[in-house]
Amino acid sequence: MSEKRLKRKKLHRKLFTKNRLVILNEDTFEEKFSLKLTLMNVFVVATIGAIFLISVTTFIIAFTPLREFIPGYSSSKLKRDATELALKSDSLTIALKKNEVYIQSIQKVLNGELEYAKFNKDSILSSSEEVVPQVKLSASEEELELRKEVAKEEKEPLSKKSK
């Protein structure tokens, strides 16, 4: 214990011993600036300065257009434009499919493959819509067993689980 105490006292003495920082004119040895410092003061000022510098840099990068120059970040205008273009391309694709089906139906009528009386624009457009297939969404036997096990565990009191 005494060694630890001696080490702490020695460290405390080093950190809080006052030192003088003096700036002199080399030719005339005139004192230009003098400052009393401890090692702890220098450490605290350096730490606060580093934190301040990091926070200012982070603020500048995060809240100014400067972040667009960092790889991986894109401008909000670019994201908005990309979203709008994706929506427009989807709607144009759907319109193109409908027009193709309509033109094919008109060609059938003109070639005589389809009677004119059966030709209806609404039925053509409805036939161009894609049908979503039905998917079986029932649980398998393994899933049902797992559900039963979980239900049993939930019903048991917490005191039994902790033992």
N, C-alpha and C. Protein backbone atom coordinates (compact mmCIF):
# COMPACT_ATOMS: atom_id res chain seq x y z
N MET A 1 0.83 -1.19 0.00
CA MET A 1 0.00 0.00 0.00
C MET A 1 0.87 1.25 0.00
N SER A 2 1.96 1.22 0.70
CA SER A 2 2.79 2.42 0.80
C SER A 2 3.43 2.75 -0.55
N GLU A 3 3.74 1.70 -1.35
CA GLU A 3 4.32 1.96 -2.67
C GLU A 3 3.31 2.64 -3.58
N LYS A 4 2.08 2.19 -3.52
CA LYS A 4 1.03 2.82 -4.33
C LYS A 4 0.83 4.26 -3.91
N ARG A 5 0.84 4.47 -2.61
CA ARG A 5 0.65 5.82 -2.09
C ARG A 5 1.80 6.73 -2.53
N LEU A 6 3.02 6.19 -2.50
CA LEU A 6 4.18 6.98 -2.92
C LEU A 6 4.11 7.31 -4.41
N LYS A 7 3.67 6.33 -5.21
CA LYS A 7 3.53 6.56 -6.65
C LYS A 7 2.48 7.62 -6.93
N ARG A 8 1.35 7.55 -6.20
CA ARG A 8 0.31 8.57 -6.38
C ARG A 8 0.81 9.95 -6.01
N LYS A 9 1.53 10.05 -4.90
CA LYS A 9 2.05 11.36 -4.48
C LYS A 9 3.05 11.89 -5.50
N LYS A 10 3.87 11.00 -6.03
CA LYS A 10 4.86 11.41 -7.02
C LYS A 10 4.17 11.90 -8.30
N LEU A 11 3.14 11.17 -8.73
CA LEU A 11 2.38 11.58 -9.91
C LEU A 11 1.66 12.90 -9.65
N HIS A 12 1.09 13.04 -8.47
CA HIS A 12 0.39 14.28 -8.11
C HIS A 12 1.36 15.46 -8.11
N ARG A 13 2.53 15.22 -7.60
CA ARG A 13 3.55 16.29 -7.57
C ARG A 13 3.95 16.69 -9.00
N LYS A 14 4.12 15.69 -9.89
CA LYS A 14 4.50 16.00 -11.28
C LYS A 14 3.40 16.77 -12.00
N LEU A 15 2.16 16.36 -11.76
CA LEU A 15 1.05 17.01 -12.47
C LEU A 15 0.80 18.43 -11.99
N PHE A 16 1.01 18.69 -10.71
CA PHE A 16 0.62 19.99 -10.17
C PHE A 16 1.81 20.88 -9.79
N THR A 17 3.02 20.51 -10.18
CA THR A 17 4.18 21.38 -9.96
C THR A 17 4.10 22.52 -10.95
N LYS A 18 4.28 23.74 -10.44
CA LYS A 18 4.18 24.91 -11.32
C LYS A 18 5.49 25.11 -12.07
N ASN A 19 5.35 25.32 -13.36
CA ASN A 19 6.49 25.60 -14.24
C ASN A 19 6.21 26.91 -14.94
N ARG A 20 7.28 27.56 -15.38
CA ARG A 20 7.14 28.84 -16.03
C ARG A 20 7.55 28.69 -17.49
N LEU A 21 6.67 29.16 -18.38
CA LEU A 21 6.96 29.21 -19.81
C LEU A 21 7.34 30.66 -20.12
N VAL A 22 8.57 30.83 -20.62
CA VAL A 22 9.08 32.18 -20.87
C VAL A 22 9.50 32.27 -22.34
N ILE A 23 9.12 33.36 -22.99
CA ILE A 23 9.55 33.62 -24.36
C ILE A 23 10.47 34.83 -24.29
N LEU A 24 11.72 34.64 -24.76
CA LEU A 24 12.75 35.69 -24.68
C LEU A 24 13.19 36.12 -26.07
N ASN A 25 13.63 37.37 -26.15
CA ASN A 25 14.31 37.84 -27.35
C ASN A 25 15.73 37.32 -27.26
N GLU A 26 16.18 36.54 -28.24
CA GLU A 26 17.47 35.88 -28.15
C GLU A 26 18.64 36.85 -28.16
N ASP A 27 18.52 37.94 -28.85
CA ASP A 27 19.63 38.89 -28.92
C ASP A 27 19.80 39.70 -27.63
N THR A 28 18.70 40.17 -27.08
CA THR A 28 18.78 41.05 -25.91
C THR A 28 18.38 40.36 -24.62
N PHE A 29 17.96 39.13 -24.68
CA PHE A 29 17.44 38.37 -23.54
C PHE A 29 16.33 39.11 -22.82
N GLU A 30 15.59 39.90 -23.58
CA GLU A 30 14.44 40.61 -23.03
C GLU A 30 13.26 39.64 -22.98
N GLU A 31 12.56 39.62 -21.87
CA GLU A 31 11.42 38.72 -21.69
C GLU A 31 10.22 39.30 -22.44
N LYS A 32 9.70 38.54 -23.39
CA LYS A 32 8.56 38.99 -24.18
C LYS A 32 7.24 38.50 -23.57
N PHE A 33 7.26 37.27 -23.06
CA PHE A 33 6.02 36.68 -22.56
C PHE A 33 6.37 35.65 -21.48
N SER A 34 5.57 35.61 -20.42
CA SER A 34 5.81 34.66 -19.35
C SER A 34 4.47 34.11 -18.88
N LEU A 35 4.47 32.80 -18.56
CA LEU A 35 3.22 32.15 -18.16
C LEU A 35 3.54 31.02 -17.20
N LYS A 36 2.80 30.97 -16.07
CA LYS A 36 2.96 29.87 -15.11
C LYS A 36 1.98 28.77 -15.46
N LEU A 37 2.50 27.55 -15.61
CA LEU A 37 1.69 26.41 -16.01
C LEU A 37 1.98 25.20 -15.14
N THR A 38 1.00 24.32 -15.06
CA THR A 38 1.22 22.98 -14.51
C THR A 38 0.96 22.00 -15.64
N LEU A 39 1.45 20.78 -15.47
CA LEU A 39 1.25 19.76 -16.49
C LEU A 39 -0.23 19.43 -16.65
N MET A 40 -0.95 19.49 -15.53
CA MET A 40 -2.39 19.24 -15.57
C MET A 40 -3.11 20.32 -16.38
N ASN A 41 -2.74 21.58 -16.22
CA ASN A 41 -3.35 22.68 -16.99
C ASN A 41 -3.12 22.48 -18.49
N VAL A 42 -1.93 22.10 -18.86
CA VAL A 42 -1.60 21.89 -20.28
C VAL A 42 -2.44 20.73 -20.83
N PHE A 43 -2.55 19.65 -20.05
CA PHE A 43 -3.34 18.50 -20.48
C PHE A 43 -4.81 18.86 -20.65
N VAL A 44 -5.38 19.60 -19.70
CA VAL A 44 -6.79 19.98 -19.77
C VAL A 44 -7.04 20.90 -20.96
N VAL A 45 -6.18 21.89 -21.18
CA VAL A 45 -6.36 22.82 -22.30
C VAL A 45 -6.22 22.08 -23.63
N ALA A 46 -5.26 21.17 -23.73
CA ALA A 46 -5.08 20.41 -24.98
C ALA A 46 -6.29 19.52 -25.24
N THR A 47 -6.83 18.90 -24.21
CA THR A 47 -8.00 18.04 -24.38
C THR A 47 -9.22 18.84 -24.80
N ILE A 48 -9.47 19.95 -24.15
CA ILE A 48 -10.61 20.81 -24.51
C ILE A 48 -10.45 21.35 -25.94
N GLY A 49 -9.24 21.73 -26.30
CA GLY A 49 -8.98 22.21 -27.66
C GLY A 49 -9.24 21.14 -28.70
N ALA A 50 -8.82 19.90 -28.41
CA ALA A 50 -9.04 18.80 -29.36
C ALA A 50 -10.53 18.51 -29.51
N ILE A 51 -11.26 18.50 -28.40
CA ILE A 51 -12.71 18.26 -28.45
C ILE A 51 -13.40 19.36 -29.24
N PHE A 52 -13.01 20.60 -29.00
CA PHE A 52 -13.60 21.73 -29.73
C PHE A 52 -13.32 21.62 -31.22
N LEU A 53 -12.08 21.31 -31.58
CA LEU A 53 -11.71 21.19 -32.99
C LEU A 53 -12.48 20.06 -33.68
N ILE A 54 -12.61 18.93 -33.01
CA ILE A 54 -13.35 17.80 -33.58
C ILE A 54 -14.82 18.15 -33.75
N SER A 55 -15.41 18.80 -32.74
CA SER A 55 -16.84 19.14 -32.83
C SER A 55 -17.09 20.18 -33.92
N VAL A 56 -16.23 21.17 -34.06
CA VAL A 56 -16.41 22.18 -35.13
C VAL A 56 -16.28 21.53 -36.50
N THR A 57 -15.31 20.64 -36.66
CA THR A 57 -15.13 19.95 -37.94
C THR A 57 -16.35 19.08 -38.27
N THR A 58 -16.85 18.37 -37.27
CA THR A 58 -18.04 17.54 -37.47
C THR A 58 -19.24 18.39 -37.84
N PHE A 59 -19.41 19.51 -37.16
CA PHE A 59 -20.53 20.41 -37.45
C PHE A 59 -20.44 20.94 -38.88
N ILE A 60 -19.26 21.35 -39.29
CA ILE A 60 -19.08 21.89 -40.65
C ILE A 60 -19.41 20.83 -41.70
N ILE A 61 -18.93 19.61 -41.47
CA ILE A 61 -19.17 18.55 -42.45
C ILE A 61 -20.64 18.14 -42.46
N ALA A 62 -21.27 18.08 -41.29
CA ALA A 62 -22.63 17.55 -41.22
C ALA A 62 -23.68 18.54 -41.72
N PHE A 63 -23.48 19.83 -41.51
CA PHE A 63 -24.54 20.79 -41.78
C PHE A 63 -24.23 21.79 -42.90
N THR A 64 -23.27 21.51 -43.71
CA THR A 64 -22.98 22.36 -44.86
C THR A 64 -22.93 21.50 -46.12
N PRO A 65 -22.97 22.12 -47.28
CA PRO A 65 -22.86 21.35 -48.53
C PRO A 65 -21.49 20.69 -48.72
N LEU A 66 -20.58 20.93 -47.82
CA LEU A 66 -19.25 20.34 -47.91
C LEU A 66 -19.30 18.82 -47.82
N ARG A 67 -20.36 18.26 -47.19
CA ARG A 67 -20.45 16.82 -47.03
C ARG A 67 -20.62 16.09 -48.36
N GLU A 68 -21.04 16.80 -49.39
CA GLU A 68 -21.21 16.16 -50.70
C GLU A 68 -19.88 15.73 -51.31
N PHE A 69 -18.78 16.29 -50.82
CA PHE A 69 -17.47 15.92 -51.35
C PHE A 69 -16.90 14.67 -50.69
N ILE A 70 -17.57 14.18 -49.64
CA ILE A 70 -17.14 12.96 -48.97
C ILE A 70 -17.73 11.78 -49.72
N PRO A 71 -16.93 10.77 -50.05
CA PRO A 71 -17.47 9.60 -50.76
C PRO A 71 -18.55 8.92 -49.92
N GLY A 72 -19.64 8.56 -50.56
CA GLY A 72 -20.73 7.89 -49.87
C GLY A 72 -21.90 8.81 -49.58
N TYR A 73 -21.67 10.10 -49.50
CA TYR A 73 -22.75 11.05 -49.27
C TYR A 73 -23.20 11.61 -50.61
N SER A 74 -24.49 11.76 -50.79
CA SER A 74 -24.99 12.38 -52.01
C SER A 74 -25.91 13.53 -51.61
N SER A 75 -26.11 14.43 -52.52
CA SER A 75 -26.93 15.59 -52.20
C SER A 75 -28.40 15.19 -52.12
N SER A 76 -29.17 15.96 -51.37
CA SER A 76 -30.59 15.65 -51.24
C SER A 76 -31.30 15.87 -52.57
N LYS A 77 -30.84 16.82 -53.37
CA LYS A 77 -31.44 17.07 -54.68
C LYS A 77 -31.24 15.85 -55.58
N LEU A 78 -30.07 15.26 -55.52
CA LEU A 78 -29.77 14.09 -56.34
C LEU A 78 -30.67 12.91 -55.93
N LYS A 79 -30.87 12.73 -54.62
CA LYS A 79 -31.75 11.65 -54.15
C LYS A 79 -33.18 11.89 -54.60
N ARG A 80 -33.66 13.13 -54.49
CA ARG A 80 -35.03 13.46 -54.89
C ARG A 80 -35.20 13.23 -56.39
N ASP A 81 -34.23 13.66 -57.19
CA ASP A 81 -34.31 13.47 -58.64
C ASP A 81 -34.33 11.98 -59.00
N ALA A 82 -33.51 11.18 -58.32
CA ALA A 82 -33.47 9.74 -58.60
C ALA A 82 -34.81 9.09 -58.27
N THR A 83 -35.43 9.50 -57.17
CA THR A 83 -36.73 8.94 -56.81
C THR A 83 -37.79 9.31 -57.83
N GLU A 84 -37.80 10.57 -58.24
CA GLU A 84 -38.78 11.01 -59.25
C GLU A 84 -38.59 10.27 -60.57
N LEU A 85 -37.35 10.09 -60.99
CA LEU A 85 -37.08 9.37 -62.24
C LEU A 85 -37.49 7.91 -62.14
N ALA A 86 -37.29 7.29 -60.99
CA ALA A 86 -37.71 5.90 -60.82
C ALA A 86 -39.22 5.77 -60.92
N LEU A 87 -39.95 6.70 -60.30
CA LEU A 87 -41.41 6.67 -60.39
C LEU A 87 -41.88 6.91 -61.83
N LYS A 88 -41.26 7.86 -62.52
CA LYS A 88 -41.65 8.14 -63.90
C LYS A 88 -41.37 6.93 -64.80
N SER A 89 -40.23 6.28 -64.61
CA SER A 89 -39.91 5.13 -65.46
C SER A 89 -40.88 3.98 -65.21
N ASP A 90 -41.29 3.78 -63.96
CA ASP A 90 -42.28 2.74 -63.68
C ASP A 90 -43.60 3.04 -64.37
N SER A 91 -44.07 4.29 -64.27
CA SER A 91 -45.35 4.62 -64.90
C SER A 91 -45.26 4.55 -66.42
N LEU A 92 -44.12 4.94 -66.98
CA LEU A 92 -43.94 4.84 -68.43
C LEU A 92 -43.91 3.39 -68.89
N THR A 93 -43.33 2.51 -68.11
CA THR A 93 -43.30 1.09 -68.46
C THR A 93 -44.70 0.51 -68.49
N ILE A 94 -45.51 0.86 -67.51
CA ILE A 94 -46.90 0.38 -67.47
C ILE A 94 -47.69 0.92 -68.67
N ALA A 95 -47.51 2.21 -68.96
CA ALA A 95 -48.22 2.79 -70.11
C ALA A 95 -47.77 2.15 -71.42
N LEU A 96 -46.50 1.84 -71.54
CA LEU A 96 -45.99 1.20 -72.74
C LEU A 96 -46.59 -0.20 -72.93
N LYS A 97 -46.71 -0.96 -71.84
CA LYS A 97 -47.32 -2.29 -71.94
C LYS A 97 -48.77 -2.18 -72.38
N LYS A 98 -49.51 -1.24 -71.82
CA LYS A 98 -50.92 -1.08 -72.21
C LYS A 98 -51.04 -0.70 -73.68
N ASN A 99 -50.17 0.20 -74.13
CA ASN A 99 -50.21 0.61 -75.54
C ASN A 99 -49.86 -0.55 -76.47
N GLU A 100 -48.91 -1.39 -76.08
CA GLU A 100 -48.54 -2.53 -76.91
C GLU A 100 -49.71 -3.51 -77.04
N VAL A 101 -50.38 -3.79 -75.94
CA VAL A 101 -51.53 -4.69 -75.98
C VAL A 101 -52.64 -4.09 -76.85
N TYR A 102 -52.87 -2.80 -76.73
CA TYR A 102 -53.90 -2.11 -77.51
C TYR A 102 -53.59 -2.19 -79.00
N ILE A 103 -52.33 -1.94 -79.36
CA ILE A 103 -51.93 -1.98 -80.77
C ILE A 103 -52.04 -3.40 -81.31
N GLN A 104 -51.67 -4.40 -80.53
CA GLN A 104 -51.79 -5.79 -80.98
C GLN A 104 -53.26 -6.16 -81.20
N SER A 105 -54.12 -5.67 -80.34
CA SER A 105 -55.56 -5.95 -80.51
C SER A 105 -56.10 -5.27 -81.77
N ILE A 106 -55.66 -4.05 -82.04
CA ILE A 106 -56.09 -3.35 -83.25
C ILE A 106 -55.58 -4.09 -84.49
N GLN A 107 -54.35 -4.61 -84.42
CA GLN A 107 -53.80 -5.36 -85.56
C GLN A 107 -54.60 -6.64 -85.81
N LYS A 108 -55.06 -7.27 -84.73
CA LYS A 108 -55.89 -8.48 -84.90
C LYS A 108 -57.19 -8.13 -85.61
N VAL A 109 -57.78 -6.99 -85.25
CA VAL A 109 -59.03 -6.58 -85.90
C VAL A 109 -58.78 -6.26 -87.36
N LEU A 110 -57.70 -5.55 -87.66
CA LEU A 110 -57.40 -5.17 -89.04
C LEU A 110 -57.04 -6.38 -89.89
N ASN A 111 -56.41 -7.37 -89.30
CA ASN A 111 -56.05 -8.58 -90.06
C ASN A 111 -57.22 -9.54 -90.19
N GLY A 112 -58.29 -9.29 -89.46
CA GLY A 112 -59.47 -10.13 -89.55
C GLY A 112 -59.42 -11.31 -88.60
N GLU A 113 -58.50 -11.32 -87.69
CA GLU A 113 -58.41 -12.43 -86.73
C GLU A 113 -59.45 -12.29 -85.62
N LEU A 114 -60.01 -11.11 -85.44
CA LEU A 114 -60.97 -10.86 -84.39
C LEU A 114 -62.12 -10.08 -84.99
N GLU A 115 -63.31 -10.43 -84.62
CA GLU A 115 -64.47 -9.72 -85.14
C GLU A 115 -64.56 -8.35 -84.49
N TYR A 116 -65.04 -7.40 -85.21
CA TYR A 116 -65.15 -6.03 -84.72
C TYR A 116 -66.12 -5.92 -83.55
N ALA A 117 -67.15 -6.73 -83.55
CA ALA A 117 -68.16 -6.66 -82.50
C ALA A 117 -67.57 -7.06 -81.14
N LYS A 118 -66.56 -7.91 -81.14
CA LYS A 118 -65.94 -8.34 -79.90
C LYS A 118 -64.87 -7.36 -79.41
N PHE A 119 -64.53 -6.38 -80.19
CA PHE A 119 -63.46 -5.44 -79.87
C PHE A 119 -63.96 -4.40 -78.88
N ASN A 120 -63.31 -4.31 -77.70
CA ASN A 120 -63.68 -3.36 -76.67
C ASN A 120 -62.39 -2.86 -76.01
N LYS A 121 -62.23 -1.56 -75.95
CA LYS A 121 -61.00 -0.98 -75.40
C LYS A 121 -60.81 -1.37 -73.93
N ASP A 122 -61.88 -1.38 -73.14
CA ASP A 122 -61.78 -1.69 -71.72
C ASP A 122 -61.34 -3.13 -71.49
N SER A 123 -61.84 -4.06 -72.30
CA SER A 123 -61.43 -5.46 -72.12
C SER A 123 -59.97 -5.64 -72.49
N ILE A 124 -59.50 -4.87 -73.46
CA ILE A 124 -58.09 -4.95 -73.85
C ILE A 124 -57.20 -4.45 -72.73
N LEU A 125 -57.58 -3.31 -72.14
CA LEU A 125 -56.77 -2.75 -71.06
C LEU A 125 -56.78 -3.64 -69.83
N SER A 126 -57.91 -4.28 -69.56
CA SER A 126 -57.97 -5.16 -68.40
C SER A 126 -57.15 -6.42 -68.63
N SER A 127 -57.03 -6.85 -69.88
CA SER A 127 -56.22 -8.04 -70.17
C SER A 127 -54.73 -7.74 -70.09
N SER A 128 -54.36 -6.47 -70.17
CA SER A 128 -52.94 -6.11 -70.10
C SER A 128 -52.43 -6.07 -68.67
N GLU A 129 -53.35 -6.02 -67.69
CA GLU A 129 -52.91 -5.97 -66.30
C GLU A 129 -52.40 -7.34 -65.90
N GLU A 130 -51.32 -7.33 -65.13
CA GLU A 130 -50.71 -8.58 -64.70
C GLU A 130 -51.50 -9.15 -63.54
N VAL A 131 -51.70 -10.46 -63.58
CA VAL A 131 -52.43 -11.15 -62.54
C VAL A 131 -51.43 -11.67 -61.50
N VAL A 132 -51.70 -11.36 -60.24
CA VAL A 132 -50.83 -11.81 -59.17
C VAL A 132 -51.24 -13.23 -58.79
N PRO A 133 -50.30 -14.18 -58.83
CA PRO A 133 -50.65 -15.57 -58.52
C PRO A 133 -50.98 -15.74 -57.04
N GLN A 134 -51.90 -16.67 -56.76
CA GLN A 134 -52.27 -16.97 -55.37
C GLN A 134 -51.16 -17.81 -54.74
N VAL A 135 -50.80 -17.48 -53.51
CA VAL A 135 -49.75 -18.19 -52.81
C VAL A 135 -50.35 -18.83 -51.57
N LYS A 136 -49.99 -20.08 -51.32
CA LYS A 136 -50.49 -20.78 -50.14
C LYS A 136 -49.74 -20.26 -48.92
N LEU A 137 -50.47 -19.69 -47.96
CA LEU A 137 -49.84 -19.08 -46.80
C LEU A 137 -50.13 -19.85 -45.51
N SER A 138 -50.42 -21.13 -45.59
CA SER A 138 -50.69 -21.90 -44.38
C SER A 138 -49.37 -22.34 -43.75
N ALA A 139 -49.41 -22.55 -42.45
CA ALA A 139 -48.20 -22.92 -41.71
C ALA A 139 -47.91 -24.41 -41.87
N SER A 140 -46.63 -24.75 -41.89
CA SER A 140 -46.24 -26.15 -41.99
C SER A 140 -46.33 -26.80 -40.61
N GLU A 141 -46.14 -28.13 -40.56
CA GLU A 141 -46.22 -28.85 -39.29
C GLU A 141 -45.13 -28.39 -38.33
N GLU A 142 -43.93 -28.14 -38.84
CA GLU A 142 -42.82 -27.68 -37.99
C GLU A 142 -43.15 -26.33 -37.36
N GLU A 143 -43.74 -25.44 -38.14
CA GLU A 143 -44.10 -24.13 -37.60
C GLU A 143 -45.17 -24.25 -36.53
N LEU A 144 -46.14 -25.14 -36.74
CA LEU A 144 -47.20 -25.34 -35.74
C LEU A 144 -46.62 -25.90 -34.43
N GLU A 145 -45.66 -26.83 -34.53
CA GLU A 145 -45.02 -27.37 -33.33
C GLU A 145 -44.25 -26.28 -32.59
N LEU A 146 -43.54 -25.45 -33.33
CA LEU A 146 -42.78 -24.36 -32.71
C LEU A 146 -43.73 -23.39 -32.01
N ARG A 147 -44.85 -23.10 -32.61
CA ARG A 147 -45.83 -22.20 -31.98
C ARG A 147 -46.35 -22.79 -30.67
N LYS A 148 -46.59 -24.10 -30.66
CA LYS A 148 -47.06 -24.76 -29.44
C LYS A 148 -46.02 -24.67 -28.33
N GLU A 149 -44.73 -24.89 -28.69
CA GLU A 149 -43.65 -24.81 -27.69
C GLU A 149 -43.55 -23.40 -27.12
N VAL A 150 -43.62 -22.40 -27.96
CA VAL A 150 -43.54 -21.02 -27.50
C VAL A 150 -44.72 -20.68 -26.61
N ALA A 151 -45.91 -21.16 -26.95
CA ALA A 151 -47.09 -20.92 -26.13
C ALA A 151 -46.94 -21.57 -24.75
N LYS A 152 -46.37 -22.78 -24.71
CA LYS A 152 -46.14 -23.45 -23.43
C LYS A 152 -45.17 -22.64 -22.57
N GLU A 153 -44.08 -22.15 -23.18
CA GLU A 153 -43.08 -21.38 -22.45
C GLU A 153 -43.67 -20.08 -21.91
N GLU A 154 -44.55 -19.47 -22.67
CA GLU A 154 -45.16 -18.22 -22.22
C GLU A 154 -46.12 -18.45 -21.06
N LYS A 155 -46.75 -19.62 -21.02
CA LYS A 155 -47.70 -19.91 -19.95
C LYS A 155 -47.01 -20.24 -18.63
N GLU A 156 -45.78 -20.78 -18.70
CA GLU A 156 -45.05 -21.13 -17.47
C GLU A 156 -44.70 -19.87 -16.70
N PRO A 157 -44.79 -19.93 -15.36
CA PRO A 157 -44.41 -18.75 -14.56
C PRO A 157 -42.91 -18.50 -14.64
N LEU A 158 -42.54 -17.27 -14.39
CA LEU A 158 -41.12 -16.90 -14.46
C LEU A 158 -40.29 -17.58 -13.40
N SER A 159 -40.89 -17.92 -12.27
CA SER A 159 -40.13 -18.56 -11.20
C SER A 159 -39.62 -19.93 -11.61
N LYS A 160 -40.38 -20.68 -12.42
CA LYS A 160 -39.93 -22.00 -12.89
C LYS A 160 -38.79 -21.88 -13.88
N LYS A 161 -38.81 -20.82 -14.68
CA LYS A 161 -37.77 -20.65 -15.69
C LYS A 161 -36.43 -20.32 -15.06
N SER A 162 -36.44 -19.58 -13.95
CA SER A 162 -35.19 -19.15 -13.33
C SER A 162 -34.48 -20.30 -12.60
N LYS A 163 -35.17 -21.40 -12.30
CA LYS A 163 -34.56 -22.53 -11.59
C LYS A 163 -33.77 -23.34 -12.50
